[in-house]
């Protein structure tokens, strides 16, 4: 099934085939502890509370498939507690293959509301804020979070670790993916992975956000399964024999690449256009390389070895981050980065 080609100013954005079937999740509506679409299991044995979260955005199906399969396999923790969640189900059920990007959220981005100021303010209300408030009591108790996402464009998987050393160490301990994005989040609001103690350097709690690939490519499901398996094994929640062998991909990245995000490029108006079709992880070796034009003003790379992180104009509107700029932290192995230039992966 082909998705619709979307115009980005004068440049058409690529159309991607929908390779994944969106499963019916209605069987999970009741949950098992009174929170719809959320399942919680307590082993009764001392250990951490870990959570795998899916469909923070309603059109990102790979995590939903992984969580659905974990539930159908009857996975429960050998120690500690395990929570499995389908987050933005209202947006998920609005998915329409003829306009596949329109079901990212209902009222606002669920991954931009995770602050006490928003969640504690009774004057604020939306479908996403109500869902965040329903999930919050469980998330407040979680020690380790894996939040599974996918991307607008076809790009290599990314591990998004936040700004803290503990987040970087956590993603490195997983050995995948190859590309690690270290960042401060988004100016539009706080993500779940940065919420409360996940973003506290003095707390042992930790979170990892995985971008598994393009929203509807089949490989994103394989990455979601593998990331879930590695996460649960690393925290001793399950044993390897608890999951089918097909969940474990023979991937090992001895030299993970860390990109330090330095700044977002935010659309000020609708008059924004990239200079080329960028899909993500494009590397510009020279400082001052022109990458976009906004209202007639050229936007250039501010330093050498600048990497474009998740560029997309599919949600273009004033105030939205259209790309983030990051500096490759280890650029000594230049040969391995050549294939990332100009959108070649």
C-alpha atoms as a PDB file:
ATOM      1  CA  UNK A   1       0.000   0.000   0.000  1.00  0.00           C
ATOM      2  CA  UNK A   2       1.454   3.362  -0.996  1.00  0.00           C
ATOM      3  CA  UNK A   3       1.169   6.386   1.251  1.00  0.00           C
ATOM      4  CA  UNK A   4       0.319   9.801  -0.134  1.00  0.00           C
ATOM      5  CA  UNK A   5       3.064  12.048  -1.508  1.00  0.00           C
ATOM      6  CA  UNK A   6       3.150  15.250   0.552  1.00  0.00           C
ATOM      7  CA  UNK A   7       4.438  18.532  -0.826  1.00  0.00           C
ATOM      8  CA  UNK A   8       7.095  20.384   1.167  1.00  0.00           C
ATOM      9  CA  UNK A   9       6.855  23.885  -0.294  1.00  0.00           C
ATOM     10  CA  UNK A  10       7.984  23.301  -3.901  1.00  0.00           C
ATOM     11  CA  UNK A  11       9.708  19.980  -3.184  1.00  0.00           C
ATOM     12  CA  UNK A  12       7.711  16.737  -2.898  1.00  0.00           C
ATOM     13  CA  UNK A  13       8.459  14.557   0.096  1.00  0.00           C
ATOM     14  CA  UNK A  14       8.955  10.844  -0.518  1.00  0.00           C
ATOM     15  CA  UNK A  15       6.082   8.415  -0.404  1.00  0.00           C
ATOM     16  CA  UNK A  16       6.652   5.231   1.593  1.00  0.00           C
ATOM     17  CA  UNK A  17       4.775   1.960   1.172  1.00  0.00           C
ATOM     18  CA  UNK A  18       2.855   0.842   4.244  1.00  0.00           C
ATOM     19  CA  UNK A  19       4.498  -2.533   4.810  1.00  0.00           C
ATOM     20  CA  UNK A  20       2.986  -3.155   8.263  1.00  0.00           C
ATOM     21  CA  UNK A  21      -0.559  -4.100   9.148  1.00  0.00           C
ATOM     22  CA  UNK A  22      -1.984  -2.012  11.974  1.00  0.00           C
ATOM     23  CA  UNK A  23      -3.316  -4.624  14.432  1.00  0.00           C
ATOM     24  CA  UNK A  24      -6.652  -4.395  16.203  1.00  0.00           C
ATOM     25  CA  UNK A  25      -5.855  -3.476  19.802  1.00  0.00           C
ATOM     26  CA  UNK A  26      -9.432  -3.425  21.093  1.00  0.00           C
ATOM     27  CA  UNK A  27      -8.906  -6.705  22.959  1.00  0.00           C
ATOM     28  CA  UNK A  28      -6.560  -4.846  25.304  1.00  0.00           C
ATOM     29  CA  UNK A  29      -8.986  -2.025  26.114  1.00  0.00           C
ATOM     30  CA  UNK A  30      -9.630  -2.961  29.745  1.00  0.00           C
ATOM     31  CA  UNK A  31      -5.991  -3.393  30.771  1.00  0.00           C
ATOM     32  CA  UNK A  32      -5.465  -5.372  33.969  1.00  0.00           C
ATOM     33  CA  UNK A  33      -5.237  -2.725  36.722  1.00  0.00           C
ATOM     34  CA  UNK A  34      -8.018  -0.347  35.777  1.00  0.00           C
ATOM     35  CA  UNK A  35      -6.060   1.825  33.311  1.00  0.00           C
ATOM     36  CA  UNK A  36      -7.226   1.219  29.728  1.00  0.00           C
ATOM     37  CA  UNK A  37      -4.657  -0.322  27.409  1.00  0.00           C
ATOM     38  CA  UNK A  38      -2.087  -0.787  30.166  1.00  0.00           C
ATOM     39  CA  UNK A  39      -0.907  -4.056  31.705  1.00  0.00           C
ATOM     40  CA  UNK A  40       1.083  -4.349  34.904  1.00  0.00           C
ATOM     41  CA  UNK A  41       2.725  -7.488  36.286  1.00  0.00           C
ATOM     42  CA  UNK A  42       4.430  -7.930  39.654  1.00  0.00           C
ATOM     43  CA  UNK A  43       6.697 -10.956  40.082  1.00  0.00           C
ATOM     44  CA  UNK A  44       6.675 -10.700  43.877  1.00  0.00           C
ATOM     45  CA  UNK A  45      10.463 -10.911  43.718  1.00  0.00           C
ATOM     46  CA  UNK A  46      12.641  -7.910  44.500  1.00  0.00           C
ATOM     47  CA  UNK A  47      13.717  -5.997  41.419  1.00  0.00           C
ATOM     48  CA  UNK A  48      13.162  -2.850  39.380  1.00  0.00           C
ATOM     49  CA  UNK A  49       9.922  -1.646  37.833  1.00  0.00           C
ATOM     50  CA  UNK A  50      10.461  -1.505  34.074  1.00  0.00           C
ATOM     51  CA  UNK A  51       8.081  -0.248  31.412  1.00  0.00           C
ATOM     52  CA  UNK A  52       7.840  -0.628  27.658  1.00  0.00           C
ATOM     53  CA  UNK A  53       5.656   2.068  26.150  1.00  0.00           C
ATOM     54  CA  UNK A  54       4.270   2.165  22.623  1.00  0.00           C
ATOM     55  CA  UNK A  55       2.258   4.463  20.325  1.00  0.00           C
ATOM     56  CA  UNK A  56       3.054   7.699  22.097  1.00  0.00           C
ATOM     57  CA  UNK A  57       2.212   8.861  18.564  1.00  0.00           C
ATOM     58  CA  UNK A  58      -0.754   7.163  16.949  1.00  0.00           C
ATOM     59  CA  UNK A  59       0.878   6.468  13.587  1.00  0.00           C
ATOM     60  CA  UNK A  60       3.980   4.753  15.037  1.00  0.00           C
ATOM     61  CA  UNK A  61       2.858   1.161  14.889  1.00  0.00           C
ATOM     62  CA  UNK A  62       6.070  -0.865  15.410  1.00  0.00           C
ATOM     63  CA  UNK A  63       6.031  -0.512  19.203  1.00  0.00           C
ATOM     64  CA  UNK A  64       2.362  -1.477  19.352  1.00  0.00           C
ATOM     65  CA  UNK A  65       3.155  -4.698  17.515  1.00  0.00           C
ATOM     66  CA  UNK A  66       5.998  -5.531  19.908  1.00  0.00           C
ATOM     67  CA  UNK A  67       3.885  -4.822  23.020  1.00  0.00           C
ATOM     68  CA  UNK A  68       0.919  -6.771  21.596  1.00  0.00           C
ATOM     69  CA  UNK A  69       3.164  -9.769  20.940  1.00  0.00           C
ATOM     70  CA  UNK A  70       4.683  -9.589  24.436  1.00  0.00           C
ATOM     71  CA  UNK A  71       1.173  -9.725  25.887  1.00  0.00           C
ATOM     72  CA  UNK A  72       0.131 -12.573  23.610  1.00  0.00           C
ATOM     73  CA  UNK A  73       3.292 -14.491  24.553  1.00  0.00           C
ATOM     74  CA  UNK A  74       2.323 -14.125  28.188  1.00  0.00           C
ATOM     75  CA  UNK A  75       5.623 -12.479  29.153  1.00  0.00           C
ATOM     76  CA  UNK A  76       5.775 -11.722  32.865  1.00  0.00           C
ATOM     77  CA  UNK A  77       8.786 -10.626  34.927  1.00  0.00           C
ATOM     78  CA  UNK A  78      11.088 -13.158  36.574  1.00  0.00           C
ATOM     79  CA  UNK A  79      11.825 -10.439  39.131  1.00  0.00           C
ATOM     80  CA  UNK A  80      10.650  -6.923  39.750  1.00  0.00           C
ATOM     81  CA  UNK A  81       7.646  -5.428  37.954  1.00  0.00           C
ATOM     82  CA  UNK A  82       6.806  -5.043  34.276  1.00  0.00           C
ATOM     83  CA  UNK A  83       4.396  -2.566  32.686  1.00  0.00           C
ATOM     84  CA  UNK A  84       3.371  -2.745  29.033  1.00  0.00           C
ATOM     85  CA  UNK A  85       1.388   0.151  27.584  1.00  0.00           C
ATOM     86  CA  UNK A  86      -0.320   1.397  24.459  1.00  0.00           C
ATOM     87  CA  UNK A  87      -0.235   5.143  25.077  1.00  0.00           C
ATOM     88  CA  UNK A  88      -2.160   7.241  22.548  1.00  0.00           C
ATOM     89  CA  UNK A  89      -4.833   4.779  21.470  1.00  0.00           C
ATOM     90  CA  UNK A  90      -7.291   7.529  20.541  1.00  0.00           C
ATOM     91  CA  UNK A  91      -4.877   8.753  17.877  1.00  0.00           C
ATOM     92  CA  UNK A  92      -4.019   5.188  16.837  1.00  0.00           C
ATOM     93  CA  UNK A  93      -7.649   4.361  16.089  1.00  0.00           C
ATOM     94  CA  UNK A  94      -7.851   7.397  13.800  1.00  0.00           C
ATOM     95  CA  UNK A  95      -5.181   6.001  11.446  1.00  0.00           C
ATOM     96  CA  UNK A  96      -6.137   6.338   7.788  1.00  0.00           C
ATOM     97  CA  UNK A  97      -3.719   4.874   5.207  1.00  0.00           C
ATOM     98  CA  UNK A  98      -4.697   7.598   2.714  1.00  0.00           C
ATOM     99  CA  UNK A  99      -3.429  10.289   5.134  1.00  0.00           C
ATOM    100  CA  UNK A 100      -1.040   8.275   7.313  1.00  0.00           C
ATOM    101  CA  UNK A 101       0.659  11.214   9.045  1.00  0.00           C
ATOM    102  CA  UNK A 102      -2.573  12.772  10.305  1.00  0.00           C
ATOM    103  CA  UNK A 103      -2.984  10.381  13.255  1.00  0.00           C
ATOM    104  CA  UNK A 104       0.170  11.425  15.112  1.00  0.00           C
ATOM    105  CA  UNK A 105      -2.065  12.898  17.835  1.00  0.00           C
ATOM    106  CA  UNK A 106      -5.664  13.996  18.442  1.00  0.00           C
ATOM    107  CA  UNK A 107      -5.321  17.442  20.042  1.00  0.00           C
ATOM    108  CA  UNK A 108      -1.631  17.886  20.811  1.00  0.00           C
ATOM    109  CA  UNK A 109       1.606  15.916  20.903  1.00  0.00           C
ATOM    110  CA  UNK A 110       1.492  13.466  23.821  1.00  0.00           C
ATOM    111  CA  UNK A 111       5.288  13.602  23.960  1.00  0.00           C
ATOM    112  CA  UNK A 112       5.345  17.314  24.821  1.00  0.00           C
ATOM    113  CA  UNK A 113       3.143  17.425  27.959  1.00  0.00           C
ATOM    114  CA  UNK A 114       5.283  15.740  30.627  1.00  0.00           C
ATOM    115  CA  UNK A 115       5.722  18.455  33.236  1.00  0.00           C
ATOM    116  CA  UNK A 116       4.069  19.013  36.610  1.00  0.00           C
ATOM    117  CA  UNK A 117       3.031  22.469  35.427  1.00  0.00           C
ATOM    118  CA  UNK A 118       0.915  20.957  32.652  1.00  0.00           C
ATOM    119  CA  UNK A 119      -0.329  17.804  34.355  1.00  0.00           C
ATOM    120  CA  UNK A 120      -1.210  19.579  37.625  1.00  0.00           C
ATOM    121  CA  UNK A 121      -3.038  22.459  35.935  1.00  0.00           C
ATOM    122  CA  UNK A 122      -6.809  21.759  35.947  1.00  0.00           C
ATOM    123  CA  UNK A 123      -7.369  24.551  33.431  1.00  0.00           C
ATOM    124  CA  UNK A 124      -5.492  22.555  30.775  1.00  0.00           C
ATOM    125  CA  UNK A 125      -7.339  19.815  28.960  1.00  0.00           C
ATOM    126  CA  UNK A 126      -6.900  17.740  25.814  1.00  0.00           C
ATOM    127  CA  UNK A 127      -7.145  14.109  24.767  1.00  0.00           C
ATOM    128  CA  UNK A 128      -3.391  13.752  25.272  1.00  0.00           C
ATOM    129  CA  UNK A 129      -3.273  15.513  28.636  1.00  0.00           C
ATOM    130  CA  UNK A 130      -6.071  13.277  29.937  1.00  0.00           C
ATOM    131  CA  UNK A 131      -4.171  10.200  28.785  1.00  0.00           C
ATOM    132  CA  UNK A 132      -0.929  11.435  30.361  1.00  0.00           C
ATOM    133  CA  UNK A 133      -2.729  11.979  33.653  1.00  0.00           C
ATOM    134  CA  UNK A 134      -4.120   8.437  33.502  1.00  0.00           C
ATOM    135  CA  UNK A 135      -0.656   6.967  32.875  1.00  0.00           C
ATOM    136  CA  UNK A 136       1.160   9.201  35.330  1.00  0.00           C
ATOM    137  CA  UNK A 137       0.634   7.181  38.568  1.00  0.00           C
ATOM    138  CA  UNK A 138       2.292   4.160  36.964  1.00  0.00           C
ATOM    139  CA  UNK A 139       5.078   6.136  35.272  1.00  0.00           C
ATOM    140  CA  UNK A 140       5.878   7.843  38.588  1.00  0.00           C
ATOM    141  CA  UNK A 141       6.739   4.391  39.947  1.00  0.00           C
ATOM    142  CA  UNK A 142       8.789   3.199  36.940  1.00  0.00           C
ATOM    143  CA  UNK A 143      12.548   2.787  37.405  1.00  0.00           C
ATOM    144  CA  UNK A 144      13.491   2.093  33.770  1.00  0.00           C
ATOM    145  CA  UNK A 145      11.499   3.150  30.692  1.00  0.00           C
ATOM    146  CA  UNK A 146      11.801   2.060  27.078  1.00  0.00           C
ATOM    147  CA  UNK A 147       9.706   4.345  24.881  1.00  0.00           C
ATOM    148  CA  UNK A 148       9.389   2.940  21.347  1.00  0.00           C
ATOM    149  CA  UNK A 149       8.994   5.366  18.436  1.00  0.00           C
ATOM    150  CA  UNK A 150       9.488   5.540  14.674  1.00  0.00           C
ATOM    151  CA  UNK A 151      10.289   8.341  12.236  1.00  0.00           C
ATOM    152  CA  UNK A 152       8.702  10.272   9.380  1.00  0.00           C
ATOM    153  CA  UNK A 153      11.572   9.548   7.002  1.00  0.00           C
ATOM    154  CA  UNK A 154      13.571   6.439   6.159  1.00  0.00           C
ATOM    155  CA  UNK A 155      16.572   6.757   8.444  1.00  0.00           C
ATOM    156  CA  UNK A 156      18.820   4.414  10.405  1.00  0.00           C
ATOM    157  CA  UNK A 157      17.532   3.610  13.926  1.00  0.00           C
ATOM    158  CA  UNK A 158      18.431   6.087  16.667  1.00  0.00           C
ATOM    159  CA  UNK A 159      18.853   5.787  20.412  1.00  0.00           C
ATOM    160  CA  UNK A 160      17.741   9.062  22.005  1.00  0.00           C
ATOM    161  CA  UNK A 161      19.339   9.300  25.431  1.00  0.00           C
ATOM    162  CA  UNK A 162      18.596  12.828  26.658  1.00  0.00           C
ATOM    163  CA  UNK A 163      21.210  15.230  28.070  1.00  0.00           C
ATOM    164  CA  UNK A 164      22.500  13.270  31.067  1.00  0.00           C
ATOM    165  CA  UNK A 165      25.470  10.929  31.367  1.00  0.00           C
ATOM    166  CA  UNK A 166      23.256   8.239  32.880  1.00  0.00           C
ATOM    167  CA  UNK A 167      21.110   8.216  29.726  1.00  0.00           C
ATOM    168  CA  UNK A 168      24.169   7.928  27.492  1.00  0.00           C
ATOM    169  CA  UNK A 169      25.569   5.069  29.572  1.00  0.00           C
ATOM    170  CA  UNK A 170      22.196   3.317  29.439  1.00  0.00           C
ATOM    171  CA  UNK A 171      21.924   3.305  25.648  1.00  0.00           C
ATOM    172  CA  UNK A 172      25.569   2.277  25.293  1.00  0.00           C
ATOM    173  CA  UNK A 173      24.898  -0.691  27.554  1.00  0.00           C
ATOM    174  CA  UNK A 174      22.319  -1.917  25.022  1.00  0.00           C
ATOM    175  CA  UNK A 175      25.061  -2.088  22.322  1.00  0.00           C
ATOM    176  CA  UNK A 176      22.551  -0.840  19.716  1.00  0.00           C
ATOM    177  CA  UNK A 177      21.569   1.169  17.796  1.00  0.00           C
ATOM    178  CA  UNK A 178      24.664   2.417  16.029  1.00  0.00           C
ATOM    179  CA  UNK A 179      23.587   6.072  16.215  1.00  0.00           C
ATOM    180  CA  UNK A 180      23.015   7.766  19.582  1.00  0.00           C
ATOM    181  CA  UNK A 181      21.386  11.184  19.827  1.00  0.00           C
ATOM    182  CA  UNK A 182      22.241  13.133  22.977  1.00  0.00           C
ATOM    183  CA  UNK A 183      19.887  16.070  23.389  1.00  0.00           C
ATOM    184  CA  UNK A 184      17.955  18.417  25.652  1.00  0.00           C
ATOM    185  CA  UNK A 185      14.547  17.549  24.207  1.00  0.00           C
ATOM    186  CA  UNK A 186      12.222  19.838  22.257  1.00  0.00           C
ATOM    187  CA  UNK A 187      11.328  23.487  22.810  1.00  0.00           C
ATOM    188  CA  UNK A 188       7.623  22.651  22.346  1.00  0.00           C
ATOM    189  CA  UNK A 189       7.505  20.656  25.585  1.00  0.00           C
ATOM    190  CA  UNK A 190       8.860  17.837  27.743  1.00  0.00           C
ATOM    191  CA  UNK A 191       9.001  14.220  26.527  1.00  0.00           C
ATOM    192  CA  UNK A 192       8.053  11.193  28.593  1.00  0.00           C
ATOM    193  CA  UNK A 193      11.686  10.041  28.578  1.00  0.00           C
ATOM    194  CA  UNK A 194      12.726  13.304  30.302  1.00  0.00           C
ATOM    195  CA  UNK A 195       9.856  13.377  32.799  1.00  0.00           C
ATOM    196  CA  UNK A 196      10.514  13.799  36.541  1.00  0.00           C
ATOM    197  CA  UNK A 197      13.308  11.528  37.849  1.00  0.00           C
ATOM    198  CA  UNK A 198      14.198  10.251  34.374  1.00  0.00           C
ATOM    199  CA  UNK A 199      15.624  13.737  33.850  1.00  0.00           C
ATOM    200  CA  UNK A 200      17.141  14.058  37.322  1.00  0.00           C
ATOM    201  CA  UNK A 201      20.901  13.439  37.384  1.00  0.00           C
ATOM    202  CA  UNK A 202      20.733  12.507  41.069  1.00  0.00           C
ATOM    203  CA  UNK A 203      18.114   9.788  40.563  1.00  0.00           C
ATOM    204  CA  UNK A 204      18.981   6.226  39.511  1.00  0.00           C
ATOM    205  CA  UNK A 205      15.836   6.117  37.363  1.00  0.00           C
ATOM    206  CA  UNK A 206      16.571   6.050  33.638  1.00  0.00           C
ATOM    207  CA  UNK A 207      14.835   6.118  30.275  1.00  0.00           C
ATOM    208  CA  UNK A 208      15.651   5.346  26.668  1.00  0.00           C
ATOM    209  CA  UNK A 209      13.735   6.400  23.560  1.00  0.00           C
ATOM    210  CA  UNK A 210      14.293   4.265  20.481  1.00  0.00           C
ATOM    211  CA  UNK A 211      13.495   5.523  16.980  1.00  0.00           C
ATOM    212  CA  UNK A 212      13.174   2.217  15.149  1.00  0.00           C
ATOM    213  CA  UNK A 213      13.091   3.388  11.532  1.00  0.00           C
ATOM    214  CA  UNK A 214      10.507   4.813   9.148  1.00  0.00           C
ATOM    215  CA  UNK A 215       6.952   4.501  10.485  1.00  0.00           C
ATOM    216  CA  UNK A 216       5.694   1.822   8.123  1.00  0.00           C
ATOM    217  CA  UNK A 217       8.740  -0.147   7.016  1.00  0.00           C
ATOM    218  CA  UNK A 218       8.817  -3.747   8.148  1.00  0.00           C
ATOM    219  CA  UNK A 219      12.324  -3.512   9.601  1.00  0.00           C
ATOM    220  CA  UNK A 220      11.065  -1.082  12.251  1.00  0.00           C
ATOM    221  CA  UNK A 221       9.132  -3.956  13.833  1.00  0.00           C
ATOM    222  CA  UNK A 222      12.301  -6.059  13.973  1.00  0.00           C
ATOM    223  CA  UNK A 223      14.128  -3.186  15.690  1.00  0.00           C
ATOM    224  CA  UNK A 224      11.243  -2.742  18.164  1.00  0.00           C
ATOM    225  CA  UNK A 225      11.331  -6.440  19.078  1.00  0.00           C
ATOM    226  CA  UNK A 226      15.106  -6.511  19.403  1.00  0.00           C
ATOM    227  CA  UNK A 227      15.177  -3.313  21.504  1.00  0.00           C
ATOM    228  CA  UNK A 228      12.488  -4.702  23.808  1.00  0.00           C
ATOM    229  CA  UNK A 229      14.332  -7.994  24.228  1.00  0.00           C
ATOM    230  CA  UNK A 230      17.674  -6.308  24.969  1.00  0.00           C
ATOM    231  CA  UNK A 231      16.020  -3.922  27.436  1.00  0.00           C
ATOM    232  CA  UNK A 232      14.309  -6.697  29.396  1.00  0.00           C
ATOM    233  CA  UNK A 233      17.393  -8.926  29.377  1.00  0.00           C
ATOM    234  CA  UNK A 234      19.752  -6.127  30.433  1.00  0.00           C
ATOM    235  CA  UNK A 235      17.606  -5.486  33.507  1.00  0.00           C
ATOM    236  CA  UNK A 236      17.247  -9.210  34.315  1.00  0.00           C
ATOM    237  CA  UNK A 237      13.463  -9.035  33.966  1.00  0.00           C
ATOM    238  CA  UNK A 238      13.335 -12.086  31.696  1.00  0.00           C
ATOM    239  CA  UNK A 239      15.624 -14.869  30.551  1.00  0.00           C
ATOM    240  CA  UNK A 240      16.561 -15.225  26.907  1.00  0.00           C
ATOM    241  CA  UNK A 241      14.507 -18.401  26.548  1.00  0.00           C
ATOM    242  CA  UNK A 242      11.336 -16.468  27.458  1.00  0.00           C
ATOM    243  CA  UNK A 243      11.192 -14.905  23.992  1.00  0.00           C
ATOM    244  CA  UNK A 244      11.377 -16.494  20.532  1.00  0.00           C
ATOM    245  CA  UNK A 245      14.876 -16.502  19.108  1.00  0.00           C
ATOM    246  CA  UNK A 246      13.632 -14.393  16.202  1.00  0.00           C
ATOM    247  CA  UNK A 247      13.362 -11.429  18.590  1.00  0.00           C
ATOM    248  CA  UNK A 248      17.133 -11.312  18.999  1.00  0.00           C
ATOM    249  CA  UNK A 249      18.892  -9.736  16.050  1.00  0.00           C
ATOM    250  CA  UNK A 250      22.594 -10.545  15.486  1.00  0.00           C
ATOM    251  CA  UNK A 251      23.623  -6.898  15.808  1.00  0.00           C
ATOM    252  CA  UNK A 252      26.516  -5.578  17.856  1.00  0.00           C
ATOM    253  CA  UNK A 253      27.831  -2.042  17.519  1.00  0.00           C
ATOM    254  CA  UNK A 254      31.309  -1.865  18.961  1.00  0.00           C
ATOM    255  CA  UNK A 255      31.642   1.741  17.821  1.00  0.00           C
ATOM    256  CA  UNK A 256      28.391   3.546  18.488  1.00  0.00           C
ATOM    257  CA  UNK A 257      28.345   7.086  17.098  1.00  0.00           C
ATOM    258  CA  UNK A 258      27.254   9.864  19.450  1.00  0.00           C
ATOM    259  CA  UNK A 259      25.729  13.048  18.075  1.00  0.00           C
ATOM    260  CA  UNK A 260      25.443  15.945  20.538  1.00  0.00           C
ATOM    261  CA  UNK A 261      22.424  18.039  19.591  1.00  0.00           C
ATOM    262  CA  UNK A 262      23.211  21.710  20.013  1.00  0.00           C
ATOM    263  CA  UNK A 263      20.159  23.510  18.703  1.00  0.00           C
ATOM    264  CA  UNK A 264      16.776  23.071  17.059  1.00  0.00           C
ATOM    265  CA  UNK A 265      15.752  24.788  13.869  1.00  0.00           C
ATOM    266  CA  UNK A 266      12.182  25.912  14.470  1.00  0.00           C
ATOM    267  CA  UNK A 267       9.836  27.041  11.703  1.00  0.00           C
ATOM    268  CA  UNK A 268       8.884  30.664  12.236  1.00  0.00           C
ATOM    269  CA  UNK A 269       6.438  30.725   9.329  1.00  0.00           C
ATOM    270  CA  UNK A 270       5.233  28.346   6.619  1.00  0.00           C
ATOM    271  CA  UNK A 271       7.894  29.793   4.318  1.00  0.00           C
ATOM    272  CA  UNK A 272      10.603  27.227   5.142  1.00  0.00           C
ATOM    273  CA  UNK A 273      12.365  24.919   2.709  1.00  0.00           C
ATOM    274  CA  UNK A 274      15.378  22.602   2.904  1.00  0.00           C
ATOM    275  CA  UNK A 275      17.984  22.906   0.169  1.00  0.00           C
ATOM    276  CA  UNK A 276      17.741  19.219  -0.639  1.00  0.00           C
ATOM    277  CA  UNK A 277      15.747  16.143   0.291  1.00  0.00           C
ATOM    278  CA  UNK A 278      17.137  15.275   3.726  1.00  0.00           C
ATOM    279  CA  UNK A 279      16.089  12.079   5.490  1.00  0.00           C
ATOM    280  CA  UNK A 280      18.322  12.165   8.569  1.00  0.00           C
ATOM    281  CA  UNK A 281      21.954  11.687   9.619  1.00  0.00           C
ATOM    282  CA  UNK A 282      23.294  13.740   6.709  1.00  0.00           C
ATOM    283  CA  UNK A 283      26.815  14.803   7.652  1.00  0.00           C
ATOM    284  CA  UNK A 284      28.165  18.212   6.612  1.00  0.00           C
ATOM    285  CA  UNK A 285      31.907  18.311   7.190  1.00  0.00           C
ATOM    286  CA  UNK A 286      32.333  22.018   6.557  1.00  0.00           C
ATOM    287  CA  UNK A 287      31.110  24.787   8.829  1.00  0.00           C
ATOM    288  CA  UNK A 288      28.830  27.214   6.988  1.00  0.00           C
ATOM    289  CA  UNK A 289      27.222  24.662   4.652  1.00  0.00           C
ATOM    290  CA  UNK A 290      23.814  25.971   3.541  1.00  0.00           C
ATOM    291  CA  UNK A 291      20.995  23.564   4.431  1.00  0.00           C
ATOM    292  CA  UNK A 292      17.742  25.551   4.287  1.00  0.00           C
ATOM    293  CA  UNK A 293      16.044  28.857   3.575  1.00  0.00           C
ATOM    294  CA  UNK A 294      13.503  30.509   5.876  1.00  0.00           C
ATOM    295  CA  UNK A 295      11.741  33.686   4.726  1.00  0.00           C
ATOM    296  CA  UNK A 296      14.604  34.314   2.298  1.00  0.00           C
ATOM    297  CA  UNK A 297      17.270  33.851   5.003  1.00  0.00           C
ATOM    298  CA  UNK A 298      19.861  31.113   4.540  1.00  0.00           C
ATOM    299  CA  UNK A 299      20.338  28.656   7.385  1.00  0.00           C
ATOM    300  CA  UNK A 300      23.835  27.156   7.531  1.00  0.00           C
ATOM    301  CA  UNK A 301      25.673  24.616   9.644  1.00  0.00           C
ATOM    302  CA  UNK A 302      27.270  26.305  12.681  1.00  0.00           C
ATOM    303  CA  UNK A 303      30.291  24.000  13.021  1.00  0.00           C
ATOM    304  CA  UNK A 304      32.206  21.225  11.221  1.00  0.00           C
ATOM    305  CA  UNK A 305      30.857  17.654  11.206  1.00  0.00           C
ATOM    306  CA  UNK A 306      27.277  18.833  11.630  1.00  0.00           C
ATOM    307  CA  UNK A 307      24.621  16.110  11.499  1.00  0.00           C
ATOM    308  CA  UNK A 308      20.961  16.655  10.632  1.00  0.00           C
ATOM    309  CA  UNK A 309      18.779  14.906  13.211  1.00  0.00           C
ATOM    310  CA  UNK A 310      15.317  13.820  12.068  1.00  0.00           C
ATOM    311  CA  UNK A 311      14.592  16.532   9.476  1.00  0.00           C
ATOM    312  CA  UNK A 312      10.988  16.648   8.291  1.00  0.00           C
ATOM    313  CA  UNK A 313       8.505  19.188   6.968  1.00  0.00           C
ATOM    314  CA  UNK A 314       5.500  16.866   7.159  1.00  0.00           C
ATOM    315  CA  UNK A 315       4.182  18.661  10.233  1.00  0.00           C
ATOM    316  CA  UNK A 316       5.317  22.116   9.102  1.00  0.00           C
ATOM    317  CA  UNK A 317       3.717  24.957  11.010  1.00  0.00           C
ATOM    318  CA  UNK A 318       5.064  27.910  12.993  1.00  0.00           C
ATOM    319  CA  UNK A 319       6.690  26.806  16.248  1.00  0.00           C
ATOM    320  CA  UNK A 320       7.473  23.245  15.157  1.00  0.00           C
ATOM    321  CA  UNK A 321      11.034  21.912  15.128  1.00  0.00           C
ATOM    322  CA  UNK A 322      11.821  20.952  11.527  1.00  0.00           C
ATOM    323  CA  UNK A 323      15.335  19.640  12.207  1.00  0.00           C
ATOM    324  CA  UNK A 324      17.847  19.538  15.007  1.00  0.00           C
ATOM    325  CA  UNK A 325      21.537  20.168  14.472  1.00  0.00           C
ATOM    326  CA  UNK A 326      24.092  17.973  16.183  1.00  0.00           C
ATOM    327  CA  UNK A 327      27.856  17.633  16.248  1.00  0.00           C
ATOM    328  CA  UNK A 328      29.398  14.233  15.713  1.00  0.00           C
ATOM    329  CA  UNK A 329      31.414  13.560  18.852  1.00  0.00           C
ATOM    330  CA  UNK A 330      33.876  11.108  17.310  1.00  0.00           C
ATOM    331  CA  UNK A 331      34.690  12.010  13.725  1.00  0.00           C
ATOM    332  CA  UNK A 332      38.048  10.259  13.541  1.00  0.00           C
ATOM    333  CA  UNK A 333      36.661   7.223  11.704  1.00  0.00           C
ATOM    334  CA  UNK A 334      35.672   9.306   8.682  1.00  0.00           C
ATOM    335  CA  UNK A 335      35.276   6.426   6.318  1.00  0.00           C
ATOM    336  CA  UNK A 336      32.311   5.048   8.212  1.00  0.00           C
ATOM    337  CA  UNK A 337      30.452   8.375   7.918  1.00  0.00           C
ATOM    338  CA  UNK A 338      30.797   8.920   4.184  1.00  0.00           C
ATOM    339  CA  UNK A 339      27.660   6.910   3.393  1.00  0.00           C
ATOM    340  CA  UNK A 340      25.583   9.196   5.600  1.00  0.00           C
ATOM    341  CA  UNK A 341      26.307  12.271   3.478  1.00  0.00           C
ATOM    342  CA  UNK A 342      23.551  13.604   1.228  1.00  0.00           C
ATOM    343  CA  UNK A 343      20.953  11.243   2.628  1.00  0.00           C
ATOM    344  CA  UNK A 344      22.544   7.951   1.565  1.00  0.00           C
ATOM    345  CA  UNK A 345      22.113   5.188   4.173  1.00  0.00           C
END
